[in-house]
Amino acid sequence: MTLIRTRRDVLESAEFRRLVERRWLVSLALTAALFVGYYGFILLVATNKPLLATRIGETVTLGIPLGMAIIVLAWLLTAAYVWWANRQYDPEVRRLRDQIR
């Protein structure tokens, strides 16, 4: 049997605060990872152009796959957030919302 609570009770509950805190921590961690990757690449472009100009094939330089890796990193971090939200965050939100009804 679930306890029917008011919206205020849910919003002021420790469960809700933990949920919001977890969401912020996950979001900040993923954002930090993206910033480190992106700005690391930009710093590499700014400080070591000869390294990025190193040929790894007839026409491809090292900068091209590294740039593509940053794009893939963004996709992977987005996928990680979606996976976390679907498995952890959304069920908990649903559970808290069901307590209000």
Protein backbone atom coordinates (compact mmCIF):
# COMPACT_ATOMS: atom_id res chain seq x y z
CA MET A 1 0.00 0.00 0.00
CA THR A 2 1.48 3.35 -1.03
CA LEU A 3 0.95 6.42 1.02
CA ILE A 4 -0.91 9.21 -0.76
CA ARG A 5 0.97 12.46 -0.13
CA THR A 6 0.56 16.04 -1.24
CA ARG A 7 2.86 17.62 -3.80
CA ARG A 8 4.44 19.72 -1.07
CA ASP A 9 5.21 16.59 0.98
CA VAL A 10 6.94 14.98 -1.99
CA LEU A 11 8.86 18.13 -2.95
CA GLU A 12 10.08 18.56 0.63
CA SER A 13 10.95 14.90 1.14
CA ALA A 14 14.49 13.60 1.49
CA GLU A 15 13.82 11.16 -1.36
CA PHE A 16 13.08 14.00 -3.77
CA ARG A 17 16.14 15.96 -2.64
CA ARG A 18 18.35 12.89 -3.16
CA LEU A 19 16.85 12.38 -6.62
CA VAL A 20 17.55 15.99 -7.61
CA GLU A 21 21.06 15.76 -6.17
CA ARG A 22 21.81 12.57 -8.11
CA ARG A 23 20.53 14.12 -11.34
CA TRP A 24 22.77 17.16 -10.83
CA LEU A 25 25.80 15.01 -10.03
CA VAL A 26 25.32 12.84 -13.12
CA SER A 27 24.71 15.90 -15.31
CA LEU A 28 27.74 17.74 -13.96
CA ALA A 29 29.99 14.69 -14.33
CA LEU A 30 28.96 14.15 -17.94
CA THR A 31 29.24 17.86 -18.71
CA ALA A 32 32.72 17.96 -17.17
CA ALA A 33 33.77 14.95 -19.25
CA LEU A 34 32.55 16.64 -22.43
CA PHE A 35 34.28 19.93 -21.55
CA VAL A 36 37.56 18.16 -20.79
CA GLY A 37 37.40 16.31 -24.11
CA TYR A 38 36.32 19.30 -26.19
CA TYR A 39 38.54 21.93 -24.62
CA GLY A 40 41.41 19.47 -24.47
CA PHE A 41 41.10 19.08 -28.22
CA ILE A 42 40.88 22.86 -28.71
CA LEU A 43 43.98 23.36 -26.52
CA LEU A 44 45.78 20.71 -28.54
CA VAL A 45 44.86 22.55 -31.74
CA ALA A 46 46.09 25.83 -30.26
CA THR A 47 49.33 24.56 -28.76
CA ASN A 48 50.51 21.62 -30.88
CA LYS A 49 49.45 21.99 -34.50
CA PRO A 50 52.40 19.93 -35.78
CA LEU A 51 51.15 16.92 -33.82
CA LEU A 52 47.69 17.22 -35.34
CA ALA A 53 49.24 17.66 -38.79
CA THR A 54 51.02 14.32 -38.47
CA ARG A 55 49.94 12.11 -41.34
CA ILE A 56 48.51 8.72 -40.48
CA GLY A 57 47.73 7.86 -44.07
CA GLU A 58 48.21 9.38 -47.50
CA THR A 59 45.66 12.13 -46.99
CA VAL A 60 44.50 11.81 -43.38
CA THR A 61 46.13 13.67 -40.53
CA LEU A 62 45.86 12.86 -36.83
CA GLY A 63 43.55 15.84 -36.28
CA ILE A 64 40.71 14.31 -38.31
CA PRO A 65 40.18 11.13 -36.23
CA LEU A 66 40.71 13.10 -33.01
CA GLY A 67 38.03 15.57 -34.09
CA MET A 68 35.72 12.70 -34.96
CA ALA A 69 36.46 11.15 -31.56
CA ILE A 70 35.18 14.31 -29.86
CA ILE A 71 31.91 14.00 -31.77
CA VAL A 72 31.65 10.32 -30.83
CA LEU A 73 32.43 11.22 -27.21
CA ALA A 74 29.46 13.60 -27.20
CA TRP A 75 27.20 10.85 -28.54
CA LEU A 76 28.49 8.36 -25.97
CA LEU A 77 27.98 10.77 -23.10
CA THR A 78 24.45 11.50 -24.32
CA ALA A 79 23.78 7.76 -24.54
CA ALA A 80 25.16 7.30 -21.01
CA TYR A 81 22.77 9.96 -19.69
CA VAL A 82 19.80 8.43 -21.50
CA TRP A 83 20.72 4.98 -20.17
CA TRP A 84 21.02 6.33 -16.62
CA ALA A 85 17.78 8.31 -16.88
CA ASN A 86 15.83 5.34 -18.24
CA ARG A 87 17.15 2.92 -15.60
CA GLN A 88 17.46 5.10 -12.51
CA TYR A 89 15.90 8.53 -12.77
CA ASP A 90 12.61 7.92 -14.63
CA PRO A 91 11.45 5.00 -12.45
CA GLU A 92 12.14 7.02 -9.31
CA VAL A 93 10.26 10.04 -10.71
CA ARG A 94 7.37 7.75 -11.61
CA ARG A 95 7.37 6.27 -8.11
CA LEU A 96 7.31 9.70 -6.47
CA ARG A 97 4.61 10.93 -8.85
CA ASP A 98 2.46 7.90 -8.09
CA GLN A 99 2.58 8.78 -4.40
CA ILE A 100 0.76 12.03 -5.16
CA ARG A 101 -2.16 10.48 -7.04
